[in-house]
Protein backbone atom coordinates (compact mmCIF):
# COMPACT_ATOMS: atom_id res chain seq x y z
CA MET A 1 -4.44 -6.62 2.12
CA SER A 2 -7.21 -8.20 0.14
CA ALA A 3 -8.02 -7.17 -3.41
CA LYS A 4 -10.34 -8.01 -6.25
CA ARG A 5 -11.02 -6.24 -9.49
CA GLY A 6 -13.03 -3.09 -8.94
CA LYS A 7 -12.51 -3.02 -5.19
CA VAL A 8 -9.45 -2.89 -2.95
CA THR A 9 -9.43 -3.21 0.82
CA TRP A 10 -6.27 -2.55 2.82
CA VAL A 11 -5.84 -4.53 6.02
CA GLY A 12 -3.65 -3.14 8.76
CA VAL A 13 -2.03 -0.22 7.00
CA SER A 14 0.08 1.58 9.61
CA ASP A 15 1.23 5.09 8.85
CA PHE A 16 2.03 8.50 10.26
CA ARG A 17 2.59 11.95 8.87
CA GLY A 18 4.34 15.09 9.92
CA THR A 19 6.19 18.20 8.87
CA ASN A 20 9.66 19.55 9.44
CA PRO A 21 8.95 23.30 9.64
CA LYS A 22 11.93 25.62 9.62
CA SER A 23 12.59 29.20 8.68
CA PHE A 24 15.31 30.04 6.20
CA ALA A 25 17.60 31.00 9.08
CA GLU A 26 16.88 27.70 10.84
CA HIS A 27 17.73 25.73 7.70
CA GLU A 28 21.02 27.57 7.46
CA SER A 29 21.65 26.94 11.16
CA SER A 30 20.94 23.22 10.63
CA LEU A 31 23.46 23.18 7.81
CA SER A 32 26.05 24.71 10.11
CA ASP A 33 25.28 22.06 12.75
CA ILE A 34 25.64 19.31 10.14
CA SER A 35 29.02 20.70 9.09
CA GLN A 36 30.24 20.69 12.68
CA LEU A 37 28.97 17.16 13.24
CA ILE A 38 30.78 15.95 10.12
CA GLU A 39 34.01 17.46 11.44
CA THR A 40 33.40 15.87 14.86
CA LEU A 41 33.11 12.46 13.23
CA GLY A 42 36.50 12.96 11.60
CA PHE A 43 35.48 14.02 8.08
CA SER A 44 36.31 17.21 6.23
CA VAL A 45 33.50 19.30 4.74
CA GLY A 46 35.91 20.86 2.23
CA ASN A 47 34.39 20.83 -1.26
CA SER A 48 31.68 18.33 -0.31
CA ARG A 49 28.00 18.52 -1.24
CA ILE A 50 27.45 20.63 1.92
CA ARG A 51 28.85 23.63 0.04
CA SER A 52 26.31 23.10 -2.73
CA TYR A 53 23.48 23.05 -0.21
CA GLN A 54 24.68 26.34 1.26
CA ASN A 55 24.56 28.00 -2.16
CA VAL A 56 21.08 26.66 -2.94
CA LEU A 57 19.63 27.78 0.40
CA SER A 58 21.06 31.26 0.01
CA ALA A 59 19.60 31.66 -3.49
CA LEU A 60 16.18 30.37 -2.42
CA ARG A 61 16.05 32.67 0.57
CA THR A 62 16.87 35.71 -1.54
CA LYS A 63 14.18 34.85 -4.10
CA ALA A 64 11.47 34.06 -1.54
CA GLU A 65 12.08 37.33 0.30
CA ARG A 66 11.99 39.27 -2.96
CA ASP A 67 9.06 37.57 -4.73
CA HIS A 68 7.14 36.28 -1.65
CA LYS A 69 6.80 32.86 -3.24
CA LEU A 70 8.76 30.13 -4.99
CA THR A 71 8.13 28.67 -8.44
CA LEU A 72 7.66 24.95 -9.03
CA SER A 73 11.29 24.65 -10.07
CA ASP A 74 12.32 26.49 -6.91
CA GLY A 75 10.12 24.14 -4.92
CA MET A 76 11.90 21.11 -6.30
CA GLN A 77 15.27 22.61 -5.40
CA LEU A 78 13.83 23.18 -1.94
CA LEU A 79 12.65 19.58 -1.80
CA HIS A 80 16.08 18.18 -2.57
CA THR A 81 17.80 20.61 -0.24
CA SER A 82 15.54 20.45 2.82
CA VAL A 83 14.85 16.71 2.57
CA GLU A 84 18.48 15.78 2.01
CA LEU A 85 19.61 18.02 4.87
CA HIS A 86 16.97 16.60 7.19
CA GLN A 87 18.04 13.09 6.26
CA LEU A 88 21.74 13.88 6.59
CA GLY A 89 21.18 15.30 10.07
CA THR A 90 19.32 12.15 11.11
CA ILE A 91 22.02 9.91 9.62
CA LEU A 92 24.82 11.79 11.36
CA ARG A 93 23.05 11.64 14.73
CA ALA A 94 22.67 7.88 14.31
CA ALA A 95 26.34 7.50 13.38
CA ARG A 96 27.43 9.61 16.34
CA GLY A 97 25.37 7.44 18.71
CA ALA A 98 26.33 4.09 17.16
CA PRO A 99 28.12 1.59 19.42
CA ASP A 100 30.50 0.90 16.53
CA LEU A 101 31.24 3.86 14.24
CA SER A 102 33.05 1.60 11.77
CA ILE A 103 29.67 0.28 10.57
CA TRP A 104 28.91 3.79 9.30
CA GLN A 105 32.40 4.84 8.16
CA SER A 106 32.26 3.93 4.47
CA HIS A 107 28.64 5.07 4.20
CA LEU A 108 29.44 8.51 5.57
CA GLU A 109 32.31 8.91 3.13
CA ARG A 110 29.95 8.21 0.21
CA LEU A 111 27.23 10.50 1.57
CA ILE A 112 29.45 13.52 2.03
CA SER A 113 30.93 13.25 -1.46
CA GLY A 114 29.15 14.44 -4.58
CA THR A 115 27.10 17.55 -5.33
CA HIS A 116 23.60 18.84 -4.75
CA PRO A 117 21.12 16.48 -6.50
CA ASP A 118 19.51 19.05 -8.80
CA VAL A 119 16.22 18.27 -10.50
CA PRO A 120 17.29 17.57 -14.13
CA ALA A 121 20.08 15.14 -13.33
CA LYS A 122 19.44 12.67 -10.53
CA LEU A 123 22.22 10.41 -11.66
CA SER A 124 24.21 10.55 -8.46
CA PRO A 125 24.80 7.19 -6.76
CA THR A 126 24.97 9.18 -3.53
CA TRP A 127 21.36 10.31 -4.03
CA ASP A 128 20.21 6.68 -4.38
CA PHE A 129 22.38 5.51 -1.52
CA GLN A 130 21.19 8.10 0.97
CA PHE A 131 17.67 6.70 1.26
CA GLU A 132 18.75 3.27 2.50
CA THR A 133 21.15 4.93 4.94
CA PHE A 134 18.37 7.21 6.16
CA VAL A 135 16.00 4.27 6.79
CA ALA A 136 18.80 2.51 8.70
CA SER A 137 19.45 5.61 10.81
CA VAL A 138 15.76 6.02 11.70
CA ALA A 139 15.66 2.36 12.73
CA GLN A 140 18.75 2.71 14.92
CA LEU A 141 17.43 5.89 16.56
CA SER A 142 14.21 3.99 17.24
CA GLY A 143 16.01 1.33 19.25
CA TYR A 144 16.83 -1.30 16.62
CA GLU A 145 20.29 -2.74 16.04
CA ILE A 146 21.26 -2.33 12.39
CA ASP A 147 23.90 -3.54 9.97
CA PHE A 148 24.54 -2.88 6.29
CA GLN A 149 24.28 -6.16 4.42
CA GLU A 150 22.02 -7.78 1.86
CA PRO A 151 19.35 -7.05 0.91
CA ASP A 152 20.44 -3.49 1.91
CA ILE A 153 19.84 -3.18 5.65
CA LEU A 154 19.63 -5.81 8.37
CA ILE A 155 17.31 -4.93 11.26
CA LYS A 156 17.81 -6.77 14.56
CA ASP A 157 15.23 -6.75 17.34
CA GLY A 158 16.14 -9.16 20.09
CA ASP A 159 16.20 -12.65 18.64
CA ARG A 160 14.39 -11.60 15.45
CA SER A 161 16.11 -10.20 12.35
CA PHE A 162 14.74 -9.06 9.01
CA GLY A 163 16.08 -7.28 5.96
CA ILE A 164 15.06 -4.14 4.11
CA ALA A 165 15.65 -3.52 0.39
CA ALA A 166 15.46 0.24 -0.19
CA LYS A 167 14.66 1.84 -3.55
CA ARG A 168 14.29 5.37 -4.92
CA PRO A 169 12.53 5.06 -8.32
CA ARG A 170 12.93 8.05 -10.63
CA THR A 171 9.82 7.45 -12.75
CA ALA A 172 6.38 5.89 -12.28
CA PRO A 173 7.11 3.14 -14.84
CA GLY A 174 10.31 2.44 -12.94
CA LEU A 175 8.35 1.52 -9.82
CA ARG A 176 7.63 -1.99 -11.07
CA ARG A 177 11.30 -2.59 -11.95
CA ASN A 178 12.39 -1.35 -8.54
CA LEU A 179 9.91 -3.57 -6.72
CA GLN A 180 11.03 -6.57 -8.75
CA LYS A 181 14.69 -5.84 -8.06
CA ALA A 182 14.05 -5.35 -4.35
CA ALA A 183 12.09 -8.59 -4.11
CA LYS A 184 14.93 -10.48 -5.81
CA GLN A 185 17.42 -8.99 -3.34
CA ILE A 186 15.34 -10.26 -0.43
CA LEU A 187 14.86 -13.69 -2.01
CA LYS A 188 18.63 -14.06 -2.50
CA SER A 189 19.48 -12.91 1.02
CA THR A 190 19.47 -14.97 4.18
CA PHE A 191 16.59 -13.06 5.77
CA GLU A 192 12.93 -12.35 5.18
CA GLY A 193 12.20 -8.70 4.77
CA MET A 194 10.29 -5.68 3.56
CA ILE A 195 10.71 -3.33 0.61
CA ALA A 196 11.14 0.41 1.34
CA VAL A 197 10.25 2.80 -1.49
CA ASP A 198 10.87 6.55 -1.57
CA CYS A 199 8.04 7.88 -3.76
CA SER A 200 9.09 11.54 -3.57
CA VAL A 201 10.38 11.91 -7.12
CA ILE A 202 7.61 10.02 -8.89
CA LEU A 203 4.85 11.79 -6.91
CA ALA A 204 6.26 15.25 -6.19
CA THR A 205 7.99 16.13 -9.48
CA ASP A 206 5.08 18.31 -10.64
CA ARG A 207 3.81 19.42 -7.24
CA ALA A 208 4.95 22.02 -4.73
CA ILE A 209 2.78 23.13 -1.82
CA THR A 210 2.13 26.71 -0.74
CA THR A 211 -0.20 27.01 2.25
CA THR A 212 -0.75 28.85 5.52
CA SER A 213 -0.18 25.96 7.92
CA ASP A 214 1.95 22.86 8.21
CA GLU A 215 -1.16 20.84 9.12
CA HIS A 216 -2.69 21.61 5.71
CA ALA A 217 0.57 20.51 4.09
CA ALA A 218 0.57 17.22 6.01
CA GLU A 219 -3.03 16.56 4.96
CA PHE A 220 -2.17 17.17 1.31
CA VAL A 221 0.75 14.74 1.42
CA GLU A 222 -1.47 12.16 3.12
CA GLU A 223 -3.99 12.44 0.29
CA ILE A 224 -1.36 12.11 -2.46
CA LEU A 225 0.19 8.96 -0.99
CA ALA A 226 -3.21 7.41 -0.27
CA ASP A 227 -4.22 7.94 -3.91
CA PHE A 228 -0.95 6.39 -5.05
CA LEU A 229 -1.48 3.30 -2.90
CA ARG A 230 -4.98 2.86 -4.27
CA ASP A 231 -3.73 3.19 -7.84
CA SER A 232 -0.85 0.78 -7.18
CA ALA A 233 -2.83 -1.76 -5.15
CA PHE A 234 -2.78 -4.55 -7.72
CA GLU A 235 0.94 -4.11 -8.38
CA ILE A 236 1.65 -4.27 -4.65
CA HIS A 237 -0.74 -7.18 -4.21
CA ARG A 238 1.40 -9.32 -6.55
CA TYR A 239 4.06 -9.61 -3.87
CA ARG A 240 1.76 -11.38 -1.41
CA SER A 241 2.83 -14.53 -3.23
CA GLU A 242 6.50 -13.93 -2.40
CA PRO A 243 7.08 -15.96 0.78
CA LYS A 244 10.04 -13.89 2.02
CA VAL A 245 8.56 -10.40 1.36
CA PHE A 246 6.16 -9.60 4.19
CA ALA A 247 5.62 -5.80 3.98
CA MET A 248 6.31 -2.61 2.05
CA LEU A 249 7.21 0.81 3.39
CA PHE A 250 6.26 3.82 1.26
CA VAL A 251 7.80 7.22 1.98
CA LEU A 252 6.81 10.59 0.50
CA HIS A 253 8.47 13.96 1.15
CA MET A 254 7.23 17.18 -0.44
CA PRO A 255 8.45 20.79 -0.42
CA VAL A 256 6.22 23.36 1.27
CA THR A 257 6.31 27.13 1.57
CA ILE A 258 4.34 28.41 4.58
CA VAL A 259 2.98 31.92 3.94
CA ASP A 260 1.17 34.38 6.18
CA THR A 261 -2.64 34.51 6.29
CA GLU A 262 -2.67 37.31 3.71
CA TRP A 263 -0.55 35.21 1.32
CA THR A 264 1.92 38.08 0.97
CA LYS A 265 5.07 36.78 2.67
CA ALA A 266 6.88 33.44 2.86
CA LYS A 267 7.52 32.57 6.51
CA GLN A 268 8.94 29.05 6.52
CA LEU A 269 10.39 26.33 4.36
CA THR A 270 8.80 23.04 5.33
CA THR A 271 9.24 19.39 4.43
CA ALA A 272 5.91 17.58 4.69
CA PHE A 273 6.26 13.82 4.80
CA ARG A 274 4.38 10.57 5.24
CA TRP A 275 5.53 7.02 6.02
CA THR A 276 3.12 4.18 5.34
CA VAL A 277 3.79 0.50 6.08
CA VAL A 278 1.60 -1.98 4.20
CA PRO A 279 1.77 -5.56 5.51
CA LEU A 280 1.59 -8.23 2.81
CA VAL A 281 0.70 -11.06 5.19
CA ASN A 282 -2.44 -11.87 7.15
CA PRO A 283 -3.00 -10.48 10.67
CA ASP A 284 -2.48 -13.92 12.22
CA ASP A 285 1.05 -14.08 10.77
CA PRO A 286 3.72 -12.95 13.32
CA ARG A 287 5.42 -10.93 10.57
CA TYR A 288 2.30 -8.78 10.33
CA HIS A 289 2.91 -7.50 13.86
CA THR A 290 6.63 -7.14 13.11
CA SER A 291 5.83 -4.70 10.30
CA ILE A 292 3.30 -2.73 12.38
CA ARG A 293 5.73 -2.57 15.30
CA PHE A 294 8.47 -1.34 13.00
CA ALA A 295 6.26 1.50 11.73
CA GLU A 296 5.25 2.53 15.24
CA ARG A 297 8.79 2.45 16.60
CA CYS A 298 10.22 4.40 13.66
CA SER A 299 8.19 7.42 14.73
CA GLN A 300 10.72 7.73 17.58
CA GLY A 301 13.63 8.09 15.15
CA LEU A 302 11.75 10.58 12.98
CA PHE A 303 10.34 12.84 15.68
CA THR A 304 11.86 12.28 19.11
CA ASN A 305 15.53 12.51 18.12
CA ARG A 306 15.52 15.72 16.16
CA SER A 307 18.24 18.17 17.00
């Protein structure tokens, strides 16, 4: 990336977008599959957060069928339900396929505990913790060997290893603090690495999408994240001077209601998402290609391995 006041040019941004379209019934079926997978891995669903998700999905389905649309508040409940369930399913598939389940054991115990992360009170450590576990699971499903150690995740690819510090800022002003904290984690660790940032809360708090196609939803999410990167360019650019931080990964998920062409009936609940990797080093630096390769390979874990 090169930048000067008044003009910003991104070099080598690698990203991809997509949607996770499901009907209400399919969401509920996914939740049932997740419950069974948890039991298979030796954990009890019991009074876990899975029960909270079931209640939220049931209430949203009833309202959408009655009113033919969801309010902004409903949309945010949908965001936290559909995104968290999608991530949990991915995490559980990675754990099930891991050569050593013990690496995931303590993480799964933390993830299953707690309650549904409702909009007014995102104070759950589980909510923060899930993002780093999700990034690790996508990496493993994409063919990387992973471990949980400082800065948060260790990614191994043959004879090369790098770290990832994962953050979920709750407010726009908190972005700078989270980037600073993540950079310090990488600097204190043994490995070079990248910073992963989930932008969903700071960018989607006042937005919920209602449209007739998942492609329109994906385009809208692409535009929102692109605007954010332009606005944040100088803040991101500061970390080019950090020798051990070589890239940043920005993730955005948004809630979507797909309606029919007459806009009279809600057909699907959809999670539209975008992952964008921004290298902080020049194209002739080997770490540049490491970051681009990571982005390209992670599409396998996000798309190819869905249940």
